[in-house]
Amino acid sequence: MLQKFSFLLFAIFIFSCQNEQDKQSASIADDICKCYQPLVELNTEIQSKLKSNEEDEAEDLITKVSSMNEDGKKCTLAMVNKYGANTQINVDQVSAAMKEQCPKILGIVSGYLFEE
C-alpha cells in the first residue's frame, strides 16, 4: 500500500511539474507573439501596398521594418527579466504553442530565436 501511495505522489508531482512547464511555455509563446505582432502587421501592409502597385507607400513602410525588428528584439530580451535568465525553456513546447497562437510569427523568428 505504501508503494502505491508513493507512486501516486510521484506521478502527481511529475504531472504538476509538466503542467507548470506547459503553462510557462504557453506564456512565453504568447509574449513572443505579442513582441513580433507589429512587425507581422507591417509586413502584411507592405505586401498589400506592393500588390496594389503602391510602391512609394510600400517603400515608406519598409523604412520602418528595421526599427520595428529592433523593438521586437528588445521586447524579447525584456522577457529575460520577466522569466529570469536561468529559466529552462522547452523550445519544442514554446514552438508548438506559437504554431497554434501565431504561426506567421513562428516562421519569421524561429531561425534566430530558437538557435541551438
C-alpha atoms as a PDB file:
ATOM      1  CA  MET A   1       0.000   0.000   0.000  1.00  0.00           C
ATOM      2  CA  LEU A   2       2.842   2.364   0.843  1.00  0.00           C
ATOM      3  CA  GLN A   3       4.418   1.652  -2.554  1.00  0.00           C
ATOM      4  CA  LYS A   4       1.195   2.547  -4.368  1.00  0.00           C
ATOM      5  CA  PHE A   5       0.846   5.727  -2.336  1.00  0.00           C
ATOM      6  CA  SER A   6       4.476   6.695  -3.045  1.00  0.00           C
ATOM      7  CA  PHE A   7       3.998   6.036  -6.741  1.00  0.00           C
ATOM      8  CA  LEU A   8       0.806   8.092  -6.752  1.00  0.00           C
ATOM      9  CA  LEU A   9       2.574  11.034  -5.079  1.00  0.00           C
ATOM     10  CA  PHE A  10       5.453  10.738  -7.554  1.00  0.00           C
ATOM     11  CA  ALA A  11       3.035  10.690 -10.510  1.00  0.00           C
ATOM     12  CA  ILE A  12       1.161  13.734  -9.194  1.00  0.00           C
ATOM     13  CA  PHE A  13       4.457  15.579  -8.722  1.00  0.00           C
ATOM     14  CA  ILE A  14       5.636  14.769 -12.260  1.00  0.00           C
ATOM     15  CA  PHE A  15       2.338  15.790 -13.843  1.00  0.00           C
ATOM     16  CA  SER A  16       2.139  19.010 -11.844  1.00  0.00           C
ATOM     17  CA  CYS A  17       5.664  19.940 -12.955  1.00  0.00           C
ATOM     18  CA  GLN A  18       4.790  19.204 -16.562  1.00  0.00           C
ATOM     19  CA  ASN A  19       1.591  21.200 -16.283  1.00  0.00           C
ATOM     20  CA  GLU A  20       3.512  24.171 -14.863  1.00  0.00           C
ATOM     21  CA  GLN A  21       6.088  23.912 -17.665  1.00  0.00           C
ATOM     22  CA  ASP A  22       3.265  23.746 -20.247  1.00  0.00           C
ATOM     23  CA  LYS A  23       1.732  26.921 -18.776  1.00  0.00           C
ATOM     24  CA  GLN A  24       5.079  28.689 -18.799  1.00  0.00           C
ATOM     25  CA  SER A  25       5.775  27.614 -22.388  1.00  0.00           C
ATOM     26  CA  ALA A  26       2.364  28.918 -23.448  1.00  0.00           C
ATOM     27  CA  SER A  27       3.021  32.185 -21.625  1.00  0.00           C
ATOM     28  CA  ILE A  28       6.439  32.586 -23.244  1.00  0.00           C
ATOM     29  CA  ALA A  29       4.948  31.832 -26.659  1.00  0.00           C
ATOM     30  CA  ASP A  30       2.218  34.405 -26.065  1.00  0.00           C
ATOM     31  CA  ASP A  31       4.789  37.043 -25.110  1.00  0.00           C
ATOM     32  CA  ILE A  32       6.905  36.338 -28.195  1.00  0.00           C
ATOM     33  CA  CYS A  33       3.794  36.582 -30.367  1.00  0.00           C
ATOM     34  CA  LYS A  34       2.962  39.952 -28.818  1.00  0.00           C
ATOM     35  CA  CYS A  35       6.521  41.198 -29.331  1.00  0.00           C
ATOM     36  CA  TYR A  36       6.526  40.462 -33.046  1.00  0.00           C
ATOM     37  CA  GLN A  37       2.874  41.069 -33.969  1.00  0.00           C
ATOM     38  CA  PRO A  38       3.517  44.693 -35.052  1.00  0.00           C
ATOM     39  CA  LEU A  39       6.269  43.524 -37.404  1.00  0.00           C
ATOM     40  CA  VAL A  40       3.989  40.928 -38.990  1.00  0.00           C
ATOM     41  CA  GLU A  41       1.239  43.510 -39.410  1.00  0.00           C
ATOM     42  CA  LEU A  42       3.691  45.918 -41.051  1.00  0.00           C
ATOM     43  CA  ASN A  43       4.889  43.181 -43.382  1.00  0.00           C
ATOM     44  CA  THR A  44       1.298  42.381 -44.342  1.00  0.00           C
ATOM     45  CA  GLU A  45       0.652  46.048 -45.056  1.00  0.00           C
ATOM     46  CA  ILE A  46       3.795  46.302 -47.202  1.00  0.00           C
ATOM     47  CA  GLN A  47       2.780  43.234 -49.207  1.00  0.00           C
ATOM     48  CA  SER A  48      -0.670  44.717 -49.724  1.00  0.00           C
ATOM     49  CA  LYS A  49       0.794  48.006 -50.969  1.00  0.00           C
ATOM     50  CA  LEU A  50       3.098  46.199 -53.362  1.00  0.00           C
ATOM     51  CA  LYS A  51       0.227  44.123 -54.774  1.00  0.00           C
ATOM     52  CA  SER A  52      -1.768  47.324 -55.286  1.00  0.00           C
ATOM     53  CA  ASN A  53       1.171  48.886 -57.155  1.00  0.00           C
ATOM     54  CA  GLU A  54       1.640  51.459 -54.404  1.00  0.00           C
ATOM     55  CA  GLU A  55       5.421  51.219 -54.441  1.00  0.00           C
ATOM     56  CA  ASP A  56       6.089  54.636 -52.882  1.00  0.00           C
ATOM     57  CA  GLU A  57       3.831  53.883 -49.922  1.00  0.00           C
ATOM     58  CA  ALA A  58       5.407  50.443 -49.547  1.00  0.00           C
ATOM     59  CA  GLU A  59       8.878  51.966 -49.616  1.00  0.00           C
ATOM     60  CA  ASP A  60       7.902  54.382 -46.840  1.00  0.00           C
ATOM     61  CA  LEU A  61       6.730  51.436 -44.753  1.00  0.00           C
ATOM     62  CA  ILE A  62       9.867  49.417 -45.491  1.00  0.00           C
ATOM     63  CA  THR A  63      11.958  52.088 -43.765  1.00  0.00           C
ATOM     64  CA  LYS A  64      10.127  51.182 -40.527  1.00  0.00           C
ATOM     65  CA  VAL A  65      10.964  47.456 -40.686  1.00  0.00           C
ATOM     66  CA  SER A  66      14.440  47.726 -39.190  1.00  0.00           C
ATOM     67  CA  SER A  67      13.355  49.787 -36.196  1.00  0.00           C
ATOM     68  CA  MET A  68      10.337  47.574 -35.617  1.00  0.00           C
ATOM     69  CA  ASN A  69      12.539  44.491 -35.751  1.00  0.00           C
ATOM     70  CA  GLU A  70      14.786  46.070 -33.124  1.00  0.00           C
ATOM     71  CA  ASP A  71      11.726  46.786 -30.980  1.00  0.00           C
ATOM     72  CA  GLY A  72      10.769  43.124 -31.265  1.00  0.00           C
ATOM     73  CA  LYS A  73      14.241  42.039 -30.183  1.00  0.00           C
ATOM     74  CA  LYS A  74      14.177  44.440 -27.215  1.00  0.00           C
ATOM     75  CA  CYS A  75      10.761  43.139 -26.241  1.00  0.00           C
ATOM     76  CA  THR A  76      12.052  39.571 -26.393  1.00  0.00           C
ATOM     77  CA  LEU A  77      15.100  40.449 -24.316  1.00  0.00           C
ATOM     78  CA  ALA A  78      12.812  42.079 -21.740  1.00  0.00           C
ATOM     79  CA  MET A  79      11.260  38.662 -21.303  1.00  0.00           C
ATOM     80  CA  VAL A  80      14.516  37.566 -19.660  1.00  0.00           C
ATOM     81  CA  ASN A  81      13.703  39.994 -16.848  1.00  0.00           C
ATOM     82  CA  LYS A  82      10.185  38.644 -16.624  1.00  0.00           C
ATOM     83  CA  TYR A  83      11.042  34.944 -16.554  1.00  0.00           C
ATOM     84  CA  GLY A  84      14.616  35.073 -15.270  1.00  0.00           C
ATOM     85  CA  ALA A  85      17.855  34.325 -17.063  1.00  0.00           C
ATOM     86  CA  ASN A  86      18.037  30.794 -15.680  1.00  0.00           C
ATOM     87  CA  THR A  87      14.566  29.749 -16.798  1.00  0.00           C
ATOM     88  CA  GLN A  88      14.601  26.399 -18.505  1.00  0.00           C
ATOM     89  CA  ILE A  89      12.756  26.829 -21.776  1.00  0.00           C
ATOM     90  CA  ASN A  90      11.382  23.843 -23.623  1.00  0.00           C
ATOM     91  CA  VAL A  91      11.870  25.040 -27.188  1.00  0.00           C
ATOM     92  CA  ASP A  92       9.622  22.323 -28.588  1.00  0.00           C
ATOM     93  CA  GLN A  93       6.745  23.305 -26.290  1.00  0.00           C
ATOM     94  CA  VAL A  94       7.189  27.023 -26.976  1.00  0.00           C
ATOM     95  CA  SER A  95       7.353  26.374 -30.724  1.00  0.00           C
ATOM     96  CA  ALA A  96       4.242  24.180 -30.574  1.00  0.00           C
ATOM     97  CA  ALA A  97       2.360  26.866 -28.663  1.00  0.00           C
ATOM     98  CA  MET A  98       3.477  29.517 -31.141  1.00  0.00           C
ATOM     99  CA  LYS A  99       2.409  27.289 -34.014  1.00  0.00           C
ATOM    100  CA  GLU A 100      -1.111  27.413 -32.588  1.00  0.00           C
ATOM    101  CA  GLN A 101      -1.113  31.057 -31.457  1.00  0.00           C
ATOM    102  CA  CYS A 102       0.882  32.836 -34.145  1.00  0.00           C
ATOM    103  CA  PRO A 103       2.233  30.582 -36.929  1.00  0.00           C
ATOM    104  CA  LYS A 104       3.323  33.528 -39.098  1.00  0.00           C
ATOM    105  CA  ILE A 105       5.472  34.886 -36.308  1.00  0.00           C
ATOM    106  CA  LEU A 106       6.968  31.471 -35.614  1.00  0.00           C
ATOM    107  CA  GLY A 107       8.046  31.279 -39.247  1.00  0.00           C
ATOM    108  CA  ILE A 108       9.711  34.667 -39.001  1.00  0.00           C
ATOM    109  CA  VAL A 109      11.544  34.365 -35.692  1.00  0.00           C
ATOM    110  CA  SER A 110      12.296  30.669 -35.312  1.00  0.00           C
ATOM    111  CA  GLY A 111      15.521  30.885 -37.322  1.00  0.00           C
ATOM    112  CA  TYR A 112      17.313  33.135 -34.890  1.00  0.00           C
ATOM    113  CA  LEU A 113      15.240  32.941 -31.728  1.00  0.00           C
ATOM    114  CA  PHE A 114      15.481  29.182 -31.300  1.00  0.00           C
ATOM    115  CA  GLU A 115      19.068  28.677 -32.426  1.00  0.00           C
ATOM    116  CA  GLU A 116      20.757  25.776 -30.755  1.00  0.00           C
END
